[in-house]
Amino acid sequence: MQDAIDRALKADALIYAIGIGDLYQFGINEGALKKITEHTGGRAYFPRNERELRDSFTQIQNDMREQYLVAYSSSNKTRDGLYRRVAIEIVNSETRKENLRLNYRPGYFAKSPDSAQPKGSKKP
């Protein structure tokens, strides 16, 4: 599981999951779906009926339309390929009252210059 999460993070992939099925007969691994979606900045949905399934798709569609890009420059300039954690929070007290939910990746890989090169290309 961690390898899949790491690969998704390195690819800057945002993963959403919809867990559907018979909970009693086949089961749904909610923990695994939540883990991979939360680590990549997505969300997991577990609809219990057709209406909730439609609502899940609508929410994902809205999330995709309402994305923002936040730029961050680390004080640690070492590009060692290691994972670095980040936290984003709302500091404006009036905005905090709105009970907004922030969806973001909890970290990133500090890609080394070599890993930023497209495959097959050569360094100058």
PDB file of N, CA and C in Angstrom:
ATOM      1  N   MET A   1       0.822  -1.190   0.000  1.00  0.00           N
ATOM      2  CA  MET A   1       0.000   0.000   0.000  1.00  0.00           C
ATOM      3  C   MET A   1       0.869   1.259   0.000  1.00  0.00           C
ATOM      4  N   GLN A   2       1.904   1.293   0.838  1.00  0.00           N
ATOM      5  CA  GLN A   2       2.751   2.485   0.921  1.00  0.00           C
ATOM      6  C   GLN A   2       3.460   2.747  -0.399  1.00  0.00           C
ATOM      7  N   ASP A   3       3.847   1.686  -1.105  1.00  0.00           N
ATOM      8  CA  ASP A   3       4.488   1.863  -2.404  1.00  0.00           C
ATOM      9  C   ASP A   3       3.528   2.542  -3.382  1.00  0.00           C
ATOM     10  N   ALA A   4       2.267   2.147  -3.369  1.00  0.00           N
ATOM     11  CA  ALA A   4       1.266   2.762  -4.248  1.00  0.00           C
ATOM     12  C   ALA A   4       1.080   4.236  -3.894  1.00  0.00           C
ATOM     13  N   ILE A   5       1.040   4.541  -2.607  1.00  0.00           N
ATOM     14  CA  ILE A   5       0.902   5.932  -2.168  1.00  0.00           C
ATOM     15  C   ILE A   5       2.115   6.742  -2.606  1.00  0.00           C
ATOM     16  N   ASP A   6       3.312   6.205  -2.395  1.00  0.00           N
ATOM     17  CA  ASP A   6       4.534   6.909  -2.790  1.00  0.00           C
ATOM     18  C   ASP A   6       4.568   7.169  -4.290  1.00  0.00           C
ATOM     19  N   ARG A   7       4.172   6.190  -5.071  1.00  0.00           N
ATOM     20  CA  ARG A   7       4.162   6.370  -6.531  1.00  0.00           C
ATOM     21  C   ARG A   7       3.155   7.441  -6.943  1.00  0.00           C
ATOM     22  N   ALA A   8       1.989   7.441  -6.302  1.00  0.00           N
ATOM     23  CA  ALA A   8       0.976   8.453  -6.602  1.00  0.00           C
ATOM     24  C   ALA A   8       1.488   9.846  -6.233  1.00  0.00           C
ATOM     25  N   LEU A   9       2.140   9.962  -5.088  1.00  0.00           N
ATOM     26  CA  LEU A   9       2.688  11.253  -4.665  1.00  0.00           C
ATOM     27  C   LEU A   9       3.773  11.731  -5.616  1.00  0.00           C
ATOM     28  N   LYS A  10       4.656  10.837  -6.022  1.00  0.00           N
ATOM     29  CA  LYS A  10       5.735  11.214  -6.939  1.00  0.00           C
ATOM     30  C   LYS A  10       5.190  11.620  -8.305  1.00  0.00           C
ATOM     31  N   ALA A  11       4.032  11.088  -8.664  1.00  0.00           N
ATOM     32  CA  ALA A  11       3.405  11.426  -9.943  1.00  0.00           C
ATOM     33  C   ALA A  11       2.458  12.620  -9.814  1.00  0.00           C
ATOM     34  N   ASP A  12       2.373  13.191  -8.608  1.00  0.00           N
ATOM     35  CA  ASP A  12       1.446  14.293  -8.327  1.00  0.00           C
ATOM     36  C   ASP A  12       0.006  13.919  -8.663  1.00  0.00           C
ATOM     37  N   ALA A  13      -0.352  12.664  -8.406  1.00  0.00           N
ATOM     38  CA  ALA A  13      -1.706  12.180  -8.689  1.00  0.00           C
ATOM     39  C   ALA A  13      -2.632  12.468  -7.510  1.00  0.00           C
ATOM     40  N   LEU A  14      -3.809  12.911  -7.817  1.00  0.00           N
ATOM     41  CA  LEU A  14      -4.858  13.157  -6.837  1.00  0.00           C
ATOM     42  C   LEU A  14      -5.847  12.003  -6.973  1.00  0.00           C
ATOM     43  N   ILE A  15      -6.026  11.218  -5.916  1.00  0.00           N
ATOM     44  CA  ILE A  15      -6.857  10.018  -6.023  1.00  0.00           C
ATOM     45  C   ILE A  15      -8.154  10.170  -5.239  1.00  0.00           C
ATOM     46  N   TYR A  16      -9.254   9.877  -5.916  1.00  0.00           N
ATOM     47  CA  TYR A  16     -10.571   9.797  -5.296  1.00  0.00           C
ATOM     48  C   TYR A  16     -11.027   8.351  -5.417  1.00  0.00           C
ATOM     49  N   ALA A  17     -11.789   7.888  -4.440  1.00  0.00           N
ATOM     50  CA  ALA A  17     -12.286   6.506  -4.475  1.00  0.00           C
ATOM     51  C   ALA A  17     -13.751   6.487  -4.065  1.00  0.00           C
ATOM     52  N   ILE A  18     -14.496   5.615  -4.727  1.00  0.00           N
ATOM     53  CA  ILE A  18     -15.885   5.373  -4.346  1.00  0.00           C
ATOM     54  C   ILE A  18     -15.993   3.896  -4.032  1.00  0.00           C
ATOM     55  N   GLY A  19     -16.190   3.593  -2.758  1.00  0.00           N
ATOM     56  CA  GLY A  19     -16.313   2.205  -2.313  1.00  0.00           C
ATOM     57  C   GLY A  19     -17.765   1.766  -2.385  1.00  0.00           C
ATOM     58  N   ILE A  20     -18.051   0.884  -3.333  1.00  0.00           N
ATOM     59  CA  ILE A  20     -19.416   0.374  -3.464  1.00  0.00           C
ATOM     60  C   ILE A  20     -19.385  -1.147  -3.408  1.00  0.00           C
ATOM     61  N   GLY A  21     -20.475  -1.699  -3.001  1.00  0.00           N
ATOM     62  CA  GLY A  21     -20.563  -3.149  -2.929  1.00  0.00           C
ATOM     63  C   GLY A  21     -21.335  -3.580  -1.701  1.00  0.00           C
ATOM     64  N   ASP A  22     -21.430  -4.850  -1.527  1.00  0.00           N
ATOM     65  CA  ASP A  22     -22.141  -5.438  -0.396  1.00  0.00           C
ATOM     66  C   ASP A  22     -21.174  -5.564   0.776  1.00  0.00           C
ATOM     67  N   LEU A  23     -21.392  -4.750   1.794  1.00  0.00           N
ATOM     68  CA  LEU A  23     -20.499  -4.739   2.952  1.00  0.00           C
ATOM     69  C   LEU A  23     -20.428  -6.085   3.650  1.00  0.00           C
ATOM     70  N   TYR A  24     -21.519  -6.823   3.651  1.00  0.00           N
ATOM     71  CA  TYR A  24     -21.568  -8.070   4.401  1.00  0.00           C
ATOM     72  C   TYR A  24     -20.995  -9.249   3.628  1.00  0.00           C
ATOM     73  N   GLN A  25     -21.233  -9.275   2.318  1.00  0.00           N
ATOM     74  CA  GLN A  25     -20.777 -10.418   1.535  1.00  0.00           C
ATOM     75  C   GLN A  25     -19.315 -10.285   1.108  1.00  0.00           C
ATOM     76  N   PHE A  26     -18.959  -9.143   0.534  1.00  0.00           N
ATOM     77  CA  PHE A  26     -17.610  -8.990  -0.014  1.00  0.00           C
ATOM     78  C   PHE A  26     -16.748  -8.028   0.800  1.00  0.00           C
ATOM     79  N   GLY A  27     -17.383  -7.099   1.439  1.00  0.00           N
ATOM     80  CA  GLY A  27     -16.658  -6.120   2.241  1.00  0.00           C
ATOM     81  C   GLY A  27     -15.981  -5.057   1.401  1.00  0.00           C
ATOM     82  N   ILE A  28     -15.754  -3.941   2.017  1.00  0.00           N
ATOM     83  CA  ILE A  28     -15.049  -2.827   1.393  1.00  0.00           C
ATOM     84  C   ILE A  28     -13.955  -2.422   2.368  1.00  0.00           C
ATOM     85  N   ASN A  29     -12.754  -2.336   1.896  1.00  0.00           N
ATOM     86  CA  ASN A  29     -11.650  -1.958   2.767  1.00  0.00           C
ATOM     87  C   ASN A  29     -11.617  -0.432   2.878  1.00  0.00           C
ATOM     88  N   GLU A  30     -12.497   0.088   3.728  1.00  0.00           N
ATOM     89  CA  GLU A  30     -12.609   1.536   3.877  1.00  0.00           C
ATOM     90  C   GLU A  30     -11.300   2.157   4.342  1.00  0.00           C
ATOM     91  N   GLY A  31     -10.617   1.487   5.247  1.00  0.00           N
ATOM     92  CA  GLY A  31      -9.355   2.023   5.762  1.00  0.00           C
ATOM     93  C   GLY A  31      -8.326   2.226   4.669  1.00  0.00           C
ATOM     94  N   ALA A  32      -8.197   1.254   3.775  1.00  0.00           N
ATOM     95  CA  ALA A  32      -7.222   1.355   2.684  1.00  0.00           C
ATOM     96  C   ALA A  32      -7.601   2.478   1.721  1.00  0.00           C
ATOM     97  N   LEU A  33      -8.889   2.565   1.387  1.00  0.00           N
ATOM     98  CA  LEU A  33      -9.326   3.619   0.469  1.00  0.00           C
ATOM     99  C   LEU A  33      -9.135   5.001   1.089  1.00  0.00           C
ATOM    100  N   LYS A  34      -9.455   5.127   2.366  1.00  0.00           N
ATOM    101  CA  LYS A  34      -9.261   6.417   3.046  1.00  0.00           C
ATOM    102  C   LYS A  34      -7.779   6.784   3.094  1.00  0.00           C
ATOM    103  N   LYS A  35      -6.941   5.811   3.374  1.00  0.00           N
ATOM    104  CA  LYS A  35      -5.504   6.074   3.504  1.00  0.00           C
ATOM    105  C   LYS A  35      -4.911   6.597   2.202  1.00  0.00           C
ATOM    106  N   ILE A  36      -5.184   5.909   1.103  1.00  0.00           N
ATOM    107  CA  ILE A  36      -4.573   6.327  -0.166  1.00  0.00           C
ATOM    108  C   ILE A  36      -5.157   7.650  -0.657  1.00  0.00           C
ATOM    109  N   THR A  37      -6.449   7.872  -0.441  1.00  0.00           N
ATOM    110  CA  THR A  37      -7.039   9.131  -0.903  1.00  0.00           C
ATOM    111  C   THR A  37      -6.584  10.309  -0.054  1.00  0.00           C
ATOM    112  N   GLU A  38      -6.534  10.139   1.253  1.00  0.00           N
ATOM    113  CA  GLU A  38      -6.118  11.241   2.129  1.00  0.00           C
ATOM    114  C   GLU A  38      -4.652  11.604   1.919  1.00  0.00           C
ATOM    115  N   HIS A  39      -3.803  10.617   1.666  1.00  0.00           N
ATOM    116  CA  HIS A  39      -2.380  10.903   1.450  1.00  0.00           C
ATOM    117  C   HIS A  39      -2.125  11.620   0.126  1.00  0.00           C
ATOM    118  N   THR A  40      -3.025  11.469  -0.832  1.00  0.00           N
ATOM    119  CA  THR A  40      -2.824  12.106  -2.133  1.00  0.00           C
ATOM    120  C   THR A  40      -3.645  13.378  -2.296  1.00  0.00           C
ATOM    121  N   GLY A  41      -4.409  13.748  -1.269  1.00  0.00           N
ATOM    122  CA  GLY A  41      -5.203  14.971  -1.341  1.00  0.00           C
ATOM    123  C   GLY A  41      -6.602  14.769  -1.877  1.00  0.00           C
ATOM    124  N   GLY A  42      -7.004  13.522  -2.085  1.00  0.00           N
ATOM    125  CA  GLY A  42      -8.355  13.239  -2.556  1.00  0.00           C
ATOM    126  C   GLY A  42      -9.282  12.900  -1.406  1.00  0.00           C
ATOM    127  N   ARG A  43     -10.350  12.194  -1.723  1.00  0.00           N
ATOM    128  CA  ARG A  43     -11.322  11.781  -0.706  1.00  0.00           C
ATOM    129  C   ARG A  43     -11.877  10.418  -1.070  1.00  0.00           C
ATOM    130  N   ALA A  44     -12.367   9.736  -0.063  1.00  0.00           N
ATOM    131  CA  ALA A  44     -13.031   8.444  -0.274  1.00  0.00           C
ATOM    132  C   ALA A  44     -14.508   8.602   0.082  1.00  0.00           C
ATOM    133  N   TYR A  45     -15.351   7.992  -0.717  1.00  0.00           N
ATOM    134  CA  TYR A  45     -16.800   8.031  -0.501  1.00  0.00           C
ATOM    135  C   TYR A  45     -17.309   6.605  -0.378  1.00  0.00           C
ATOM    136  N   PHE A  46     -18.304   6.431   0.466  1.00  0.00           N
ATOM    137  CA  PHE A  46     -18.892   5.113   0.690  1.00  0.00           C
ATOM    138  C   PHE A  46     -20.412   5.229   0.645  1.00  0.00           C
ATOM    139  N   PRO A  47     -20.952   5.396  -0.566  1.00  0.00           N
ATOM    140  CA  PRO A  47     -22.400   5.582  -0.694  1.00  0.00           C
ATOM    141  C   PRO A  47     -23.173   4.310  -0.346  1.00  0.00           C
ATOM    142  N   ARG A  48     -24.329   4.510   0.286  1.00  0.00           N
ATOM    143  CA  ARG A  48     -25.170   3.375   0.685  1.00  0.00           C
ATOM    144  C   ARG A  48     -26.332   3.143  -0.264  1.00  0.00           C
ATOM    145  N   ASN A  49     -26.557   4.091  -1.180  1.00  0.00           N
ATOM    146  CA  ASN A  49     -27.657   3.935  -2.125  1.00  0.00           C
ATOM    147  C   ASN A  49     -27.346   4.750  -3.381  1.00  0.00           C
ATOM    148  N   GLU A  50     -28.242   4.654  -4.347  1.00  0.00           N
ATOM    149  CA  GLU A  50     -28.005   5.306  -5.641  1.00  0.00           C
ATOM    150  C   GLU A  50     -27.922   6.824  -5.512  1.00  0.00           C
ATOM    151  N   ARG A  51     -28.751   7.410  -4.665  1.00  0.00           N
ATOM    152  CA  ARG A  51     -28.723   8.861  -4.475  1.00  0.00           C
ATOM    153  C   ARG A  51     -27.363   9.300  -3.920  1.00  0.00           C
ATOM    154  N   GLU A  52     -26.857   8.579  -2.918  1.00  0.00           N
ATOM    155  CA  GLU A  52     -25.552   8.916  -2.345  1.00  0.00           C
ATOM    156  C   GLU A  52     -24.423   8.692  -3.352  1.00  0.00           C
ATOM    157  N   LEU A  53     -24.588   7.715  -4.237  1.00  0.00           N
ATOM    158  CA  LEU A  53     -23.596   7.487  -5.288  1.00  0.00           C
ATOM    159  C   LEU A  53     -23.551   8.691  -6.229  1.00  0.00           C
ATOM    160  N   ARG A  54     -24.735   9.162  -6.647  1.00  0.00           N
ATOM    161  CA  ARG A  54     -24.794  10.357  -7.501  1.00  0.00           C
ATOM    162  C   ARG A  54     -24.177  11.560  -6.781  1.00  0.00           C
ATOM    163  N   ASP A  55     -24.497  11.693  -5.492  1.00  0.00           N
ATOM    164  CA  ASP A  55     -23.945  12.800  -4.704  1.00  0.00           C
ATOM    165  C   ASP A  55     -22.420  12.721  -4.623  1.00  0.00           C
ATOM    166  N   SER A  56     -21.883  11.508  -4.540  1.00  0.00           N
ATOM    167  CA  SER A  56     -20.428  11.326  -4.489  1.00  0.00           C
ATOM    168  C   SER A  56     -19.776  11.836  -5.772  1.00  0.00           C
ATOM    169  N   PHE A  57     -20.362  11.463  -6.911  1.00  0.00           N
ATOM    170  CA  PHE A  57     -19.822  11.925  -8.191  1.00  0.00           C
ATOM    171  C   PHE A  57     -19.929  13.445  -8.309  1.00  0.00           C
ATOM    172  N   THR A  58     -21.038  14.004  -7.845  1.00  0.00           N
ATOM    173  CA  THR A  58     -21.223  15.454  -7.884  1.00  0.00           C
ATOM    174  C   THR A  58     -20.176  16.150  -7.026  1.00  0.00           C
ATOM    175  N   GLN A  59     -19.915  15.616  -5.843  1.00  0.00           N
ATOM    176  CA  GLN A  59     -18.924  16.222  -4.946  1.00  0.00           C
ATOM    177  C   GLN A  59     -17.521  16.155  -5.549  1.00  0.00           C
ATOM    178  N   ILE A  60     -17.185  15.031  -6.161  1.00  0.00           N
ATOM    179  CA  ILE A  60     -15.874  14.909  -6.813  1.00  0.00           C
ATOM    180  C   ILE A  60     -15.765  15.921  -7.947  1.00  0.00           C
ATOM    181  N   GLN A  61     -16.823  16.034  -8.731  1.00  0.00           N
ATOM    182  CA  GLN A  61     -16.841  16.993  -9.832  1.00  0.00           C
ATOM    183  C   GLN A  61     -16.653  18.420  -9.298  1.00  0.00           C
ATOM    184  N   ASN A  62     -17.339  18.761  -8.221  1.00  0.00           N
ATOM    185  CA  ASN A  62     -17.193  20.091  -7.625  1.00  0.00           C
ATOM    186  C   ASN A  62     -15.776  20.309  -7.100  1.00  0.00           C
ATOM    187  N   ASP A  63     -15.221  19.296  -6.453  1.00  0.00           N
ATOM    188  CA  ASP A  63     -13.849  19.408  -5.946  1.00  0.00           C
ATOM    189  C   ASP A  63     -12.871  19.699  -7.080  1.00  0.00           C
ATOM    190  N   MET A  64     -13.050  19.024  -8.210  1.00  0.00           N
ATOM    191  CA  MET A  64     -12.140  19.216  -9.341  1.00  0.00           C
ATOM    192  C   MET A  64     -12.259  20.635  -9.909  1.00  0.00           C
ATOM    193  N   ARG A  65     -13.448  21.194  -9.861  1.00  0.00           N
ATOM    194  CA  ARG A  65     -13.655  22.548 -10.380  1.00  0.00           C
ATOM    195  C   ARG A  65     -13.146  23.624  -9.429  1.00  0.00           C
ATOM    196  N   GLU A  66     -13.105  23.321  -8.147  1.00  0.00           N
ATOM    197  CA  GLU A  66     -12.803  24.334  -7.135  1.00  0.00           C
ATOM    198  C   GLU A  66     -11.395  24.202  -6.564  1.00  0.00           C
ATOM    199  N   GLN A  67     -10.487  23.664  -7.335  1.00  0.00           N
ATOM    200  CA  GLN A  67      -9.115  23.492  -6.857  1.00  0.00           C
ATOM    201  C   GLN A  67      -8.346  24.807  -6.936  1.00  0.00           C
ATOM    202  N   TYR A  68      -7.448  24.966  -5.998  1.00  0.00           N
ATOM    203  CA  TYR A  68      -6.539  26.109  -5.981  1.00  0.00           C
ATOM    204  C   TYR A  68      -5.119  25.581  -5.900  1.00  0.00           C
ATOM    205  N   LEU A  69      -4.210  26.353  -6.407  1.00  0.00           N
ATOM    206  CA  LEU A  69      -2.801  25.994  -6.326  1.00  0.00           C
ATOM    207  C   LEU A  69      -2.147  26.870  -5.268  1.00  0.00           C
ATOM    208  N   VAL A  70      -1.538  26.247  -4.298  1.00  0.00           N
ATOM    209  CA  VAL A  70      -0.824  26.968  -3.251  1.00  0.00           C
ATOM    210  C   VAL A  70       0.666  26.747  -3.482  1.00  0.00           C
ATOM    211  N   ALA A  71       1.406  27.827  -3.615  1.00  0.00           N
ATOM    212  CA  ALA A  71       2.851  27.724  -3.817  1.00  0.00           C
ATOM    213  C   ALA A  71       3.545  27.706  -2.462  1.00  0.00           C
ATOM    214  N   TYR A  72       4.567  26.895  -2.369  1.00  0.00           N
ATOM    215  CA  TYR A  72       5.304  26.743  -1.119  1.00  0.00           C
ATOM    216  C   TYR A  72       6.782  26.624  -1.440  1.00  0.00           C
ATOM    217  N   SER A  73       7.583  27.361  -0.736  1.00  0.00           N
ATOM    218  CA  SER A  73       9.029  27.279  -0.906  1.00  0.00           C
ATOM    219  C   SER A  73       9.642  26.897   0.435  1.00  0.00           C
ATOM    220  N   SER A  74      10.192  25.723   0.502  1.00  0.00           N
ATOM    221  CA  SER A  74      10.763  25.210   1.743  1.00  0.00           C
ATOM    222  C   SER A  74      12.060  25.935   2.089  1.00  0.00           C
ATOM    223  N   SER A  75      12.281  26.124   3.374  1.00  0.00           N
ATOM    224  CA  SER A  75      13.559  26.690   3.813  1.00  0.00           C
ATOM    225  C   SER A  75      14.673  25.645   3.691  1.00  0.00           C
ATOM    226  N   ASN A  76      14.285  24.370   3.611  1.00  0.00           N
ATOM    227  CA  ASN A  76      15.244  23.283   3.415  1.00  0.00           C
ATOM    228  C   ASN A  76      15.441  23.103   1.907  1.00  0.00           C
ATOM    229  N   LYS A  77      16.534  23.577   1.393  1.00  0.00           N
ATOM    230  CA  LYS A  77      16.787  23.547  -0.058  1.00  0.00           C
ATOM    231  C   LYS A  77      17.411  22.239  -0.535  1.00  0.00           C
ATOM    232  N   THR A  78      17.631  21.293   0.365  1.00  0.00           N
ATOM    233  CA  THR A  78      18.225  20.017  -0.008  1.00  0.00           C
ATOM    234  C   THR A  78      17.239  19.224  -0.853  1.00  0.00           C
ATOM    235  N   ARG A  79      17.648  18.850  -2.051  1.00  0.00           N
ATOM    236  CA  ARG A  79      16.785  18.065  -2.942  1.00  0.00           C
ATOM    237  C   ARG A  79      17.283  16.630  -2.911  1.00  0.00           C
ATOM    238  N   ASP A  80      16.891  15.942  -1.846  1.00  0.00           N
ATOM    239  CA  ASP A  80      17.415  14.608  -1.575  1.00  0.00           C
ATOM    240  C   ASP A  80      16.437  13.479  -1.884  1.00  0.00           C
ATOM    241  N   GLY A  81      15.281  13.808  -2.438  1.00  0.00           N
ATOM    242  CA  GLY A  81      14.299  12.784  -2.772  1.00  0.00           C
ATOM    243  C   GLY A  81      13.496  12.287  -1.588  1.00  0.00           C
ATOM    244  N   LEU A  82      13.709  12.860  -0.410  1.00  0.00           N
ATOM    245  CA  LEU A  82      12.994  12.417   0.789  1.00  0.00           C
ATOM    246  C   LEU A  82      11.616  13.062   0.889  1.00  0.00           C
ATOM    247  N   TYR A  83      10.749  12.407   1.652  1.00  0.00           N
ATOM    248  CA  TYR A  83       9.391  12.895   1.863  1.00  0.00           C
ATOM    249  C   TYR A  83       9.400  13.966   2.949  1.00  0.00           C
ATOM    250  N   ARG A  84       8.697  15.057   2.688  1.00  0.00           N
ATOM    251  CA  ARG A  84       8.599  16.147   3.661  1.00  0.00           C
ATOM    252  C   ARG A  84       7.126  16.436   3.938  1.00  0.00           C
ATOM    253  N   ARG A  85       6.780  16.517   5.212  1.00  0.00           N
ATOM    254  CA  ARG A  85       5.403  16.783   5.616  1.00  0.00           C
ATOM    255  C   ARG A  85       5.120  18.288   5.593  1.00  0.00           C
ATOM    256  N   VAL A  86       3.882  18.629   5.257  1.00  0.00           N
ATOM    257  CA  VAL A  86       3.418  20.014   5.323  1.00  0.00           C
ATOM    258  C   VAL A  86       2.039  20.029   5.969  1.00  0.00           C
ATOM    259  N   ALA A  87       1.671  21.171   6.504  1.00  0.00           N
ATOM    260  CA  ALA A  87       0.336  21.351   7.074  1.00  0.00           C
ATOM    261  C   ALA A  87      -0.192  22.701   6.608  1.00  0.00           C
ATOM    262  N   ILE A  88      -1.443  22.715   6.208  1.00  0.00           N
ATOM    263  CA  ILE A  88      -2.092  23.945   5.770  1.00  0.00           C
ATOM    264  C   ILE A  88      -3.265  24.184   6.710  1.00  0.00           C
ATOM    265  N   GLU A  89      -3.395  25.416   7.165  1.00  0.00           N
ATOM    266  CA  GLU A  89      -4.510  25.721   8.053  1.00  0.00           C
ATOM    267  C   GLU A  89      -5.074  27.094   7.724  1.00  0.00           C
ATOM    268  N   ILE A  90      -6.318  27.302   8.101  1.00  0.00           N
ATOM    269  CA  ILE A  90      -6.978  28.592   7.919  1.00  0.00           C
ATOM    270  C   ILE A  90      -6.670  29.428   9.156  1.00  0.00           C
ATOM    271  N   VAL A  91      -6.077  30.598   8.955  1.00  0.00           N
ATOM    272  CA  VAL A  91      -5.717  31.426  10.102  1.00  0.00           C
ATOM    273  C   VAL A  91      -6.702  32.574  10.335  1.00  0.00           C
ATOM    274  N   ASN A  92      -7.436  32.970   9.316  1.00  0.00           N
ATOM    275  CA  ASN A  92      -8.419  34.038   9.463  1.00  0.00           C
ATOM    276  C   ASN A  92      -9.571  33.553  10.333  1.00  0.00           C
ATOM    277  N   SER A  93      -9.819  34.233  11.452  1.00  0.00           N
ATOM    278  CA  SER A  93     -10.830  33.771  12.408  1.00  0.00           C
ATOM    279  C   SER A  93     -12.238  33.774  11.821  1.00  0.00           C
ATOM    280  N   GLU A  94     -12.553  34.725  10.966  1.00  0.00           N
ATOM    281  CA  GLU A  94     -13.887  34.762  10.354  1.00  0.00           C
ATOM    282  C   GLU A  94     -14.072  33.597   9.383  1.00  0.00           C
ATOM    283  N   THR A  95     -13.049  33.308   8.615  1.00  0.00           N
ATOM    284  CA  THR A  95     -13.123  32.196   7.668  1.00  0.00           C
ATOM    285  C   THR A  95     -13.191  30.868   8.404  1.00  0.00           C
ATOM    286  N   ARG A  96     -12.512  30.762   9.529  1.00  0.00           N
ATOM    287  CA  ARG A  96     -12.550  29.526  10.326  1.00  0.00           C
ATOM    288  C   ARG A  96     -13.967  29.177  10.759  1.00  0.00           C
ATOM    289  N   LYS A  97     -14.795  30.175  10.997  1.00  0.00           N
ATOM    290  CA  LYS A  97     -16.172  29.953  11.451  1.00  0.00           C
ATOM    291  C   LYS A  97     -17.017  29.251  10.391  1.00  0.00           C
ATOM    292  N   GLU A  98     -16.568  29.276   9.154  1.00  0.00           N
ATOM    293  CA  GLU A  98     -17.331  28.679   8.054  1.00  0.00           C
ATOM    294  C   GLU A  98     -17.220  27.163   8.013  1.00  0.00           C
ATOM    295  N   ASN A  99     -16.399  26.580   8.869  1.00  0.00           N
ATOM    296  CA  ASN A  99     -16.218  25.122   8.921  1.00  0.00           C
ATOM    297  C   ASN A  99     -15.856  24.533   7.562  1.00  0.00           C
ATOM    298  N   LEU A 100     -14.942  25.171   6.888  1.00  0.00           N
ATOM    299  CA  LEU A 100     -14.478  24.671   5.594  1.00  0.00           C
ATOM    300  C   LEU A 100     -13.572  23.472   5.804  1.00  0.00           C
ATOM    301  N   ARG A 101     -13.554  22.600   4.808  1.00  0.00           N
ATOM    302  CA  ARG A 101     -12.670  21.441   4.864  1.00  0.00           C
ATOM    303  C   ARG A 101     -11.559  21.639   3.842  1.00  0.00           C
ATOM    304  N   LEU A 102     -10.333  21.561   4.311  1.00  0.00           N
ATOM    305  CA  LEU A 102      -9.181  21.672   3.419  1.00  0.00           C
ATOM    306  C   LEU A 102      -8.763  20.278   2.984  1.00  0.00           C
ATOM    307  N   ASN A 103      -8.638  20.105   1.695  1.00  0.00           N
ATOM    308  CA  ASN A 103      -8.173  18.839   1.125  1.00  0.00           C
ATOM    309  C   ASN A 103      -6.829  19.104   0.473  1.00  0.00           C
ATOM    310  N   TYR A 104      -5.793  18.486   0.987  1.00  0.00           N
ATOM    311  CA  TYR A 104      -4.470  18.708   0.417  1.00  0.00           C
ATOM    312  C   TYR A 104      -3.578  17.520   0.731  1.00  0.00           C
ATOM    313  N   ARG A 105      -2.509  17.420  -0.039  1.00  0.00           N
ATOM    314  CA  ARG A 105      -1.529  16.372   0.230  1.00  0.00           C
ATOM    315  C   ARG A 105      -0.775  16.742   1.504  1.00  0.00           C
ATOM    316  N   PRO A 106      -0.600  15.813   2.409  1.00  0.00           N
ATOM    317  CA  PRO A 106       0.082  16.138   3.667  1.00  0.00           C
ATOM    318  C   PRO A 106       1.605  16.202   3.542  1.00  0.00           C
ATOM    319  N   GLY A 107       2.109  16.117   2.330  1.00  0.00           N
ATOM    320  CA  GLY A 107       3.549  16.200   2.147  1.00  0.00           C
ATOM    321  C   GLY A 107       3.930  16.074   0.686  1.00  0.00           C
ATOM    322  N   TYR A 108       5.227  16.062   0.444  1.00  0.00           N
ATOM    323  CA  TYR A 108       5.745  15.961  -0.922  1.00  0.00           C
ATOM    324  C   TYR A 108       7.137  15.345  -0.877  1.00  0.00           C
ATOM    325  N   PHE A 109       7.591  14.883  -2.017  1.00  0.00           N
ATOM    326  CA  PHE A 109       8.956  14.385  -2.140  1.00  0.00           C
ATOM    327  C   PHE A 109       9.830  15.519  -2.678  1.00  0.00           C
ATOM    328  N   ALA A 110      10.922  15.801  -2.006  1.00  0.00           N
ATOM    329  CA  ALA A 110      11.876  16.819  -2.452  1.00  0.00           C
ATOM    330  C   ALA A 110      12.695  16.192  -3.579  1.00  0.00           C
ATOM    331  N   LYS A 111      12.152  16.256  -4.773  1.00  0.00           N
ATOM    332  CA  LYS A 111      12.752  15.570  -5.917  1.00  0.00           C
ATOM    333  C   LYS A 111      14.169  16.040  -6.185  1.00  0.00           C
ATOM    334  N   SER A 112      15.032  15.069  -6.372  1.00  0.00           N
ATOM    335  CA  SER A 112      16.416  15.392  -6.710  1.00  0.00           C
ATOM    336  C   SER A 112      16.458  15.853  -8.160  1.00  0.00           C
ATOM    337  N   PRO A 113      17.472  16.637  -8.541  1.00  0.00           N
ATOM    338  CA  PRO A 113      17.565  17.102  -9.929  1.00  0.00           C
ATOM    339  C   PRO A 113      17.530  15.949 -10.931  1.00  0.00           C
ATOM    340  N   ASP A 114      18.111  14.807 -10.581  1.00  0.00           N
ATOM    341  CA  ASP A 114      18.115  13.656 -11.488  1.00  0.00           C
ATOM    342  C   ASP A 114      16.715  13.108 -11.694  1.00  0.00           C
ATOM    343  N   SER A 115      15.889  13.086 -10.648  1.00  0.00           N
ATOM    344  CA  SER A 115      14.546  12.519 -10.782  1.00  0.00           C
ATOM    345  C   SER A 115      13.623  13.446 -11.543  1.00  0.00           C
ATOM    346  N   ALA A 116      13.998  14.722 -11.679  1.00  0.00           N
ATOM    347  CA  ALA A 116      13.170  15.671 -12.417  1.00  0.00           C
ATOM    348  C   ALA A 116      13.383  15.555 -13.921  1.00  0.00           C
ATOM    349  N   GLN A 117      14.441  14.865 -14.345  1.00  0.00           N
ATOM    350  CA  GLN A 117      14.733  14.691 -15.765  1.00  0.00           C
ATOM    351  C   GLN A 117      13.771  13.687 -16.383  1.00  0.00           C
ATOM    352  N   PRO A 118      13.160  14.007 -17.531  1.00  0.00           N
ATOM    353  CA  PRO A 118      12.330  13.017 -18.214  1.00  0.00           C
ATOM    354  C   PRO A 118      13.160  11.797 -18.588  1.00  0.00           C
ATOM    355  N   LYS A 119      12.529  10.641 -18.575  1.00  0.00           N
ATOM    356  CA  LYS A 119      13.245   9.408 -18.923  1.00  0.00           C
ATOM    357  C   LYS A 119      13.797   9.506 -20.337  1.00  0.00           C
ATOM    358  N   GLY A 120      15.022   9.074 -20.486  1.00  0.00           N
ATOM    359  CA  GLY A 120      15.647   9.068 -21.804  1.00  0.00           C
ATOM    360  C   GLY A 120      16.368  10.363 -22.142  1.00  0.00           C
ATOM    361  N   SER A 121      16.146  11.422 -21.332  1.00  0.00           N
ATOM    362  CA  SER A 121      16.843  12.676 -21.630  1.00  0.00           C
ATOM    363  C   SER A 121      18.187  12.690 -20.920  1.00  0.00           C
ATOM    364  N   LYS A 122      19.075  13.501 -21.434  1.00  0.00           N
ATOM    365  CA  LYS A 122      20.413  13.594 -20.853  1.00  0.00           C
ATOM    366  C   LYS A 122      20.581  14.956 -20.198  1.00  0.00           C
ATOM    367  N   LYS A 123      21.408  14.975 -19.154  1.00  0.00           N
ATOM    368  CA  LYS A 123      21.704  16.250 -18.502  1.00  0.00           C
ATOM    369  C   LYS A 123      22.510  17.110 -19.458  1.00  0.00           C
ATOM    370  N   PRO A 124      22.325  18.433 -19.388  1.00  0.00           N
ATOM    371  CA  PRO A 124      23.109  19.331 -20.261  1.00  0.00           C
ATOM    372  C   PRO A 124      24.557  19.357 -19.856  1.00  0.00           C
TER     373      PRO A 124
END
